[in-house]
Amino acid sequence: MSPAAGLSPGSTRSIRWRLVAAFVGVSLFTLLVVGAVFYAFLGGYVVEKQKDLLLEQVIEVAEQVEGVGQTLSTGVVGGRVINALLRADSAVTPDAMRRFQTDPGSPRADMFVPLILESVAGSADDTVRRAATLLGEWSRTYTTGDQRAILFEYIMDEMSRLAWDELAGEAGDWRRALVPNDMALLAILRDSASAWWDQRETPAVERRAAIVAASLTSALTRTLDEHGDPDAGGWTWSRVRGANIRHPLGIRAWSALAVPVQGGTSTLSPLSGSGAFGPSWRMVVELGPEVRAWGTYPGGQSGHPASSAARSDWVFPSRTAFALMANSRQAAARSRVMASR
């Protein structure tokens, strides 16, 4: 209808807005009705599915930190390693402190390996004796070229599974079991007659020697099946464990995956089995009249996949060197300037 027919332009706009408002109102009402019907019939099902999804996500996170969250406490690891490094160096320089951050030593291995070997010292089983010999060859360090660390990791997995079998539940689902950490396992490893060594599925009463021997047998079999002969190169630490540095945008082609790194379970530079959990920001600060600092983190500051900092500076922090502040006065002045902006 045109204005000439008796309807003004203002009236036309008013009718249009009313139609829009009516359409929006009907749409919202329809959504409310559909939502109410959906919740009434499917609400309970959706809630349960969300619970299951949340549980799976929790399990996934737990698996990502496998080998880190279940190990010795950070204080025990850091205290033992750092104290040993400081005692061995009378004049710690920034370069030495940067090297400390990727020290491959493991207090966990130092405490467990002697007890494991002691537990099976009198075994007549050829497989157990072979596993013990291979474990005894280990330097107890997680260097990229190490050939025995993976056997120790599998032994620890098996010992934990067998020692805490009572906690896995009737279904034996270890992903949902609350398993004690390595400090508890170390405690019972020192007690050859601990009741925890007994297996609930067998009529016999097992003791430490039997369970540790079974752990070595299973671990050696698994290592051979998955990585081949001990001296064929398949046991090399850099080939069985690496860090996964994912690009902030999640683009696989721009990520650095399976990066060989020095470090492992319960080292100063820990690394989980999935390679998704480990140290990120590394920093060393030298205090004095001239304050200097060095730092790096996975992927580099820019996130550029072609940047050398994306891999090398983080993997080899001793090679990283950039001064953040020339001196404390400049740092204070820069802070005042930034605060005034």
Protein backbone atom coordinates (compact mmCIF):
# COMPACT_ATOMS: atom_id res chain seq x y z
CA MET A 1 0.00 0.00 0.00
CA SER A 2 1.48 3.35 -0.93
CA PRO A 3 1.37 6.57 1.10
CA ALA A 4 -1.11 7.93 -1.41
CA ALA A 5 -3.57 5.25 -0.42
CA GLY A 6 -3.78 6.64 3.13
CA LEU A 7 -0.86 4.90 5.00
CA SER A 8 2.05 7.10 6.04
CA PRO A 9 5.72 5.97 5.88
CA GLY A 10 5.90 6.09 9.70
CA SER A 11 2.97 3.71 9.94
CA THR A 12 4.64 1.32 7.50
CA ARG A 13 7.81 1.22 9.61
CA SER A 14 5.75 0.67 12.76
CA ILE A 15 3.98 -2.32 11.21
CA ARG A 16 7.32 -3.82 10.12
CA TRP A 17 8.80 -3.54 13.61
CA ARG A 18 5.69 -5.13 15.10
CA LEU A 19 6.00 -8.02 12.69
CA VAL A 20 9.67 -8.45 13.59
CA ALA A 21 8.88 -8.36 17.31
CA ALA A 22 6.10 -10.90 16.83
CA PHE A 23 8.41 -13.21 14.89
CA VAL A 24 11.10 -12.97 17.59
CA GLY A 25 8.55 -13.62 20.29
CA VAL A 26 7.17 -16.68 18.55
CA SER A 27 10.69 -17.99 17.95
CA LEU A 28 11.67 -17.60 21.60
CA PHE A 29 8.45 -19.24 22.74
CA THR A 30 9.05 -22.13 20.34
CA LEU A 31 12.60 -22.57 21.63
CA LEU A 32 11.37 -22.60 25.23
CA VAL A 33 8.73 -25.23 24.42
CA VAL A 34 11.18 -27.40 22.51
CA GLY A 35 13.75 -27.02 25.31
CA ALA A 36 11.22 -28.01 27.97
CA VAL A 37 10.10 -31.07 25.99
CA PHE A 38 13.71 -32.04 25.29
CA TYR A 39 14.70 -31.77 28.95
CA ALA A 40 11.60 -33.66 30.11
CA PHE A 41 12.28 -36.64 27.85
CA LEU A 42 16.04 -36.55 27.27
CA GLY A 43 17.45 -34.40 30.09
CA GLY A 44 18.49 -37.31 32.28
CA TYR A 45 20.15 -39.09 29.37
CA VAL A 46 22.12 -35.98 28.38
CA VAL A 47 23.30 -35.40 31.95
CA GLU A 48 24.56 -38.99 32.20
CA LYS A 49 26.32 -38.70 28.86
CA GLN A 50 27.95 -35.48 30.02
CA LYS A 51 29.13 -37.23 33.18
CA ASP A 52 30.63 -40.03 31.10
CA LEU A 53 32.29 -37.50 28.80
CA LEU A 54 33.73 -35.61 31.77
CA LEU A 55 35.05 -38.85 33.26
CA GLU A 56 36.72 -39.75 29.97
CA GLN A 57 38.32 -36.30 29.84
CA VAL A 58 39.62 -36.71 33.39
CA ILE A 59 41.03 -40.11 32.46
CA GLU A 60 42.67 -38.64 29.37
CA VAL A 61 44.35 -35.94 31.43
CA ALA A 62 45.51 -38.55 33.93
CA GLU A 63 47.00 -40.62 31.13
CA GLN A 64 48.79 -37.55 29.77
CA VAL A 65 50.64 -37.15 33.03
CA GLU A 66 51.36 -40.86 33.28
CA GLY A 67 54.77 -41.41 34.78
CA VAL A 68 54.81 -37.92 36.33
CA GLY A 69 51.80 -37.59 38.63
CA GLN A 70 52.30 -41.07 40.11
CA THR A 71 56.00 -40.65 40.84
CA LEU A 72 58.04 -39.36 43.72
CA SER A 73 57.14 -35.95 45.09
CA THR A 74 58.66 -32.89 43.46
CA GLY A 75 60.38 -31.92 46.71
CA VAL A 76 62.17 -35.27 47.00
CA VAL A 77 63.31 -35.22 43.39
CA GLY A 78 64.32 -31.58 43.26
CA GLY A 79 66.02 -31.61 46.64
CA ARG A 80 68.15 -34.69 45.98
CA VAL A 81 69.23 -33.73 42.48
CA ILE A 82 69.83 -30.04 43.12
CA ASN A 83 71.78 -30.69 46.31
CA ALA A 84 74.00 -33.21 44.54
CA LEU A 85 74.62 -30.82 41.63
CA LEU A 86 75.43 -27.91 43.93
CA ARG A 87 77.81 -29.98 46.06
CA ALA A 88 79.69 -31.05 42.93
CA ASP A 89 80.20 -27.46 41.73
CA SER A 90 81.87 -24.93 44.01
CA ALA A 91 81.13 -21.98 41.72
CA VAL A 92 77.77 -22.30 39.97
CA THR A 93 77.60 -20.04 36.92
CA PRO A 94 74.48 -19.18 34.88
CA ASP A 95 75.67 -21.61 32.22
CA ALA A 96 75.92 -24.38 34.82
CA MET A 97 72.48 -23.53 36.21
CA ARG A 98 70.99 -23.76 32.72
CA ARG A 99 72.56 -27.19 32.26
CA PHE A 100 71.11 -28.27 35.61
CA GLN A 101 67.59 -27.80 34.22
CA THR A 102 67.96 -30.80 31.94
CA ASP A 103 70.11 -32.98 34.20
CA PRO A 104 69.20 -36.60 33.33
CA GLY A 105 69.77 -38.05 36.82
CA SER A 106 66.87 -39.78 38.56
CA PRO A 107 66.63 -40.19 42.37
CA ARG A 108 63.70 -42.52 41.70
CA ALA A 109 65.95 -44.90 39.78
CA ASP A 110 68.72 -44.58 42.37
CA MET A 111 66.32 -45.70 45.10
CA PHE A 112 64.42 -48.41 43.23
CA VAL A 113 67.03 -50.21 41.12
CA PRO A 114 69.20 -51.53 44.00
CA LEU A 115 66.12 -52.85 45.82
CA ILE A 116 64.78 -54.50 42.66
CA LEU A 117 68.09 -56.23 41.97
CA GLU A 118 68.38 -57.28 45.61
CA SER A 119 64.88 -58.81 45.52
CA VAL A 120 65.72 -61.17 42.63
CA ALA A 121 69.39 -61.81 43.43
CA GLY A 122 68.82 -65.51 44.10
CA SER A 123 66.47 -66.23 41.21
CA ALA A 124 67.22 -69.29 39.06
CA ASP A 125 64.84 -68.20 36.28
CA ASP A 126 66.75 -67.36 33.08
CA THR A 127 64.35 -64.58 32.01
CA VAL A 128 64.49 -62.92 35.41
CA ARG A 129 68.27 -63.12 35.47
CA ARG A 130 68.51 -61.65 31.97
CA ALA A 131 66.18 -58.78 32.89
CA ALA A 132 68.20 -58.14 36.06
CA THR A 133 71.45 -58.11 34.08
CA LEU A 134 70.06 -55.61 31.56
CA LEU A 135 68.71 -53.41 34.35
CA GLY A 136 72.05 -53.55 36.14
CA GLU A 137 73.74 -52.18 33.01
CA TRP A 138 71.68 -49.00 33.22
CA SER A 139 73.42 -45.77 34.22
CA ARG A 140 70.15 -44.62 35.84
CA THR A 141 70.09 -41.51 33.68
CA TYR A 142 67.59 -40.49 31.00
CA THR A 143 69.87 -39.35 28.21
CA THR A 144 68.62 -39.39 24.62
CA GLY A 145 70.99 -42.23 23.74
CA ASP A 146 70.23 -44.39 26.77
CA GLN A 147 69.38 -48.05 26.03
CA ARG A 148 67.91 -49.32 29.32
CA ALA A 149 65.57 -46.67 30.76
CA ILE A 150 62.54 -48.06 28.94
CA LEU A 151 63.00 -51.46 30.63
CA PHE A 152 63.00 -49.78 34.04
CA GLU A 153 59.82 -47.84 33.18
CA TYR A 154 58.03 -51.04 32.21
CA ILE A 155 59.24 -52.79 35.38
CA MET A 156 57.80 -49.95 37.46
CA ASP A 157 54.49 -50.21 35.61
CA GLU A 158 54.27 -53.94 36.29
CA MET A 159 55.28 -53.66 39.95
CA SER A 160 52.68 -50.99 40.56
CA ARG A 161 49.98 -53.02 38.83
CA LEU A 162 50.75 -56.17 40.80
CA ALA A 163 51.34 -54.52 44.16
CA TRP A 164 48.10 -52.53 44.11
CA ASP A 165 45.87 -55.19 42.55
CA GLU A 166 43.41 -54.84 45.44
CA LEU A 167 42.69 -51.24 44.41
CA ALA A 168 41.72 -51.89 40.79
CA GLY A 169 38.16 -52.92 41.65
CA GLU A 170 36.25 -55.99 40.59
CA ALA A 171 36.50 -55.05 36.90
CA GLY A 172 40.25 -54.51 37.16
CA ASP A 173 39.95 -51.09 35.49
CA TRP A 174 43.23 -49.37 36.33
CA ARG A 175 42.23 -46.13 34.62
CA ARG A 176 39.69 -45.51 37.39
CA ALA A 177 41.82 -46.79 40.27
CA LEU A 178 43.38 -44.45 42.83
CA VAL A 179 46.87 -45.95 42.92
CA PRO A 180 49.39 -44.82 45.57
CA ASN A 181 52.44 -42.98 44.33
CA ASP A 182 56.00 -44.24 44.15
CA MET A 183 56.76 -43.30 47.75
CA ALA A 184 54.26 -45.91 48.93
CA LEU A 185 55.64 -48.48 46.48
CA LEU A 186 59.15 -47.78 47.74
CA ALA A 187 57.98 -48.34 51.30
CA ILE A 188 56.61 -51.82 50.62
CA LEU A 189 59.60 -52.67 48.40
CA ARG A 190 61.70 -52.30 51.53
CA ASP A 191 59.45 -54.82 53.31
CA SER A 192 59.81 -58.28 51.78
CA ALA A 193 56.86 -59.65 53.78
CA SER A 194 54.40 -56.81 53.22
CA ALA A 195 50.80 -58.00 52.82
CA TRP A 196 50.47 -55.85 49.72
CA TRP A 197 52.60 -58.28 47.71
CA ASP A 198 49.97 -61.00 48.01
CA GLN A 199 47.77 -61.45 44.93
CA ARG A 200 44.07 -61.69 45.67
CA GLU A 201 43.40 -63.94 42.62
CA THR A 202 45.68 -66.76 43.76
CA PRO A 203 45.35 -69.16 46.73
CA ALA A 204 49.07 -68.89 47.51
CA VAL A 205 50.56 -66.08 49.59
CA GLU A 206 53.05 -64.16 47.46
CA ARG A 207 56.00 -62.22 48.79
CA ARG A 208 58.21 -59.50 47.35
CA ALA A 209 60.65 -61.79 45.53
CA ALA A 210 57.89 -63.48 43.54
CA ILE A 211 56.16 -60.25 42.52
CA VAL A 212 59.35 -58.44 41.58
CA ALA A 213 60.46 -61.46 39.55
CA ALA A 214 57.10 -61.52 37.77
CA SER A 215 57.43 -57.79 37.09
CA LEU A 216 60.85 -58.25 35.50
CA THR A 217 59.60 -61.13 33.37
CA SER A 218 56.56 -59.21 32.10
CA ALA A 219 58.55 -56.02 31.54
CA LEU A 220 61.30 -57.75 29.56
CA THR A 221 58.75 -59.58 27.43
CA ARG A 222 56.91 -56.32 26.72
CA THR A 223 60.12 -54.43 25.89
CA LEU A 224 61.28 -57.15 23.50
CA ASP A 225 57.88 -57.35 21.82
CA GLU A 226 57.54 -53.59 21.36
CA HIS A 227 61.15 -52.51 20.73
CA GLY A 228 63.08 -55.56 19.61
CA ASP A 229 66.53 -56.77 20.69
CA PRO A 230 68.24 -54.74 23.45
CA ASP A 231 71.25 -53.91 21.28
CA ALA A 232 69.45 -53.29 17.99
CA GLY A 233 68.71 -49.62 18.71
CA GLY A 234 65.00 -49.98 19.37
CA TRP A 235 65.44 -49.38 23.11
CA THR A 236 67.08 -45.97 22.57
CA TRP A 237 65.34 -43.43 24.80
CA SER A 238 64.99 -40.82 22.03
CA ARG A 239 63.09 -43.39 19.94
CA VAL A 240 60.65 -44.51 22.63
CA ARG A 241 59.97 -41.23 24.44
CA GLY A 242 59.79 -37.68 23.09
CA ALA A 243 58.13 -34.35 23.79
CA ASN A 244 55.16 -33.12 21.79
CA ILE A 245 55.24 -29.33 21.42
CA ARG A 246 51.94 -28.42 19.80
CA HIS A 247 51.43 -25.12 18.00
CA PRO A 248 49.03 -22.70 19.77
CA LEU A 249 46.64 -23.01 16.82
CA GLY A 250 46.66 -26.80 17.07
CA ILE A 251 48.00 -27.22 13.52
CA ARG A 252 49.88 -30.50 13.36
CA ALA A 253 52.15 -29.42 10.50
CA TRP A 254 53.35 -26.46 12.58
CA SER A 255 53.88 -28.51 15.71
CA ALA A 256 57.09 -30.18 16.86
CA LEU A 257 56.18 -33.78 17.67
CA ALA A 258 58.27 -36.60 19.12
CA VAL A 259 61.13 -34.21 19.86
CA PRO A 260 64.05 -36.12 21.48
CA VAL A 261 64.73 -34.63 24.89
CA GLN A 262 67.00 -35.40 27.81
CA GLY A 263 64.94 -36.29 30.86
CA GLY A 264 62.31 -38.72 32.02
CA THR A 265 60.24 -39.76 34.98
CA SER A 266 61.21 -37.93 38.19
CA THR A 267 64.11 -35.97 36.74
CA LEU A 268 64.49 -32.21 37.01
CA SER A 269 63.13 -32.14 33.46
CA PRO A 270 60.29 -34.67 33.72
CA LEU A 271 58.56 -36.15 30.70
CA SER A 272 55.34 -38.13 30.64
CA GLY A 273 54.74 -41.25 28.60
CA SER A 274 52.49 -39.39 26.17
CA GLY A 275 55.00 -36.56 25.73
CA ALA A 276 52.24 -34.04 26.47
CA PHE A 277 53.30 -33.16 30.00
CA GLY A 278 56.63 -31.71 31.05
CA PRO A 279 58.47 -28.46 31.80
CA SER A 280 57.58 -25.36 29.85
CA TRP A 281 59.07 -22.01 30.89
CA ARG A 282 62.74 -22.21 31.83
CA MET A 283 64.51 -19.23 33.33
CA VAL A 284 67.82 -18.38 35.02
CA VAL A 285 68.41 -14.99 36.64
CA GLU A 286 71.82 -13.67 37.70
CA LEU A 287 71.52 -11.02 40.41
CA GLY A 288 74.10 -8.32 40.94
CA PRO A 289 74.89 -4.76 39.90
CA GLU A 290 73.93 -5.86 36.41
CA VAL A 291 70.85 -8.08 36.45
CA ARG A 292 70.81 -10.60 33.63
CA ALA A 293 68.26 -13.26 32.78
CA TRP A 294 67.86 -16.06 30.28
CA GLY A 295 64.68 -17.89 29.40
CA THR A 296 62.92 -20.02 26.87
CA TYR A 297 59.75 -22.06 26.48
CA PRO A 298 58.41 -24.66 24.00
CA GLY A 299 57.67 -23.28 20.58
CA GLY A 300 59.57 -20.05 21.12
CA GLN A 301 58.02 -16.65 21.82
CA SER A 302 56.67 -16.03 18.32
CA GLY A 303 55.21 -19.49 17.74
CA HIS A 304 56.75 -19.42 14.25
CA PRO A 305 57.33 -23.05 13.19
CA ALA A 306 60.50 -22.12 11.28
CA SER A 307 62.07 -20.38 14.28
CA SER A 308 65.11 -22.06 15.80
CA ALA A 309 63.65 -21.33 19.22
CA ALA A 310 60.71 -23.62 18.47
CA ARG A 311 62.86 -26.65 19.26
CA SER A 312 66.56 -26.16 19.87
CA ASP A 313 66.47 -23.42 22.49
CA TRP A 314 64.02 -25.35 24.65
CA VAL A 315 65.58 -28.78 24.19
CA PHE A 316 69.08 -27.42 24.82
CA PRO A 317 68.63 -24.56 27.33
CA SER A 318 72.39 -24.29 27.82
CA ARG A 319 72.50 -22.82 24.31
CA THR A 320 69.84 -20.21 25.09
CA ALA A 321 71.15 -16.77 25.86
CA PHE A 322 69.20 -13.54 25.76
CA ALA A 323 69.40 -10.74 28.28
CA LEU A 324 66.03 -9.50 29.47
CA MET A 325 67.12 -6.51 31.55
CA ALA A 326 70.43 -4.68 31.40
CA ASN A 327 70.29 -3.65 35.06
CA SER A 328 67.89 -3.11 37.91
CA ARG A 329 67.56 0.64 37.27
CA GLN A 330 66.55 0.07 33.67
CA ALA A 331 64.10 -2.60 34.78
CA ALA A 332 62.47 -0.23 37.28
CA ALA A 333 62.35 2.59 34.74
CA ARG A 334 60.79 0.29 32.14
CA SER A 335 58.18 -0.86 34.67
CA ARG A 336 57.22 2.78 35.38
CA VAL A 337 56.89 3.52 31.67
CA MET A 338 54.72 0.43 31.08
CA ALA A 339 52.52 1.28 34.08
CA SER A 340 51.91 4.85 32.78
CA ARG A 341 50.64 3.61 29.40
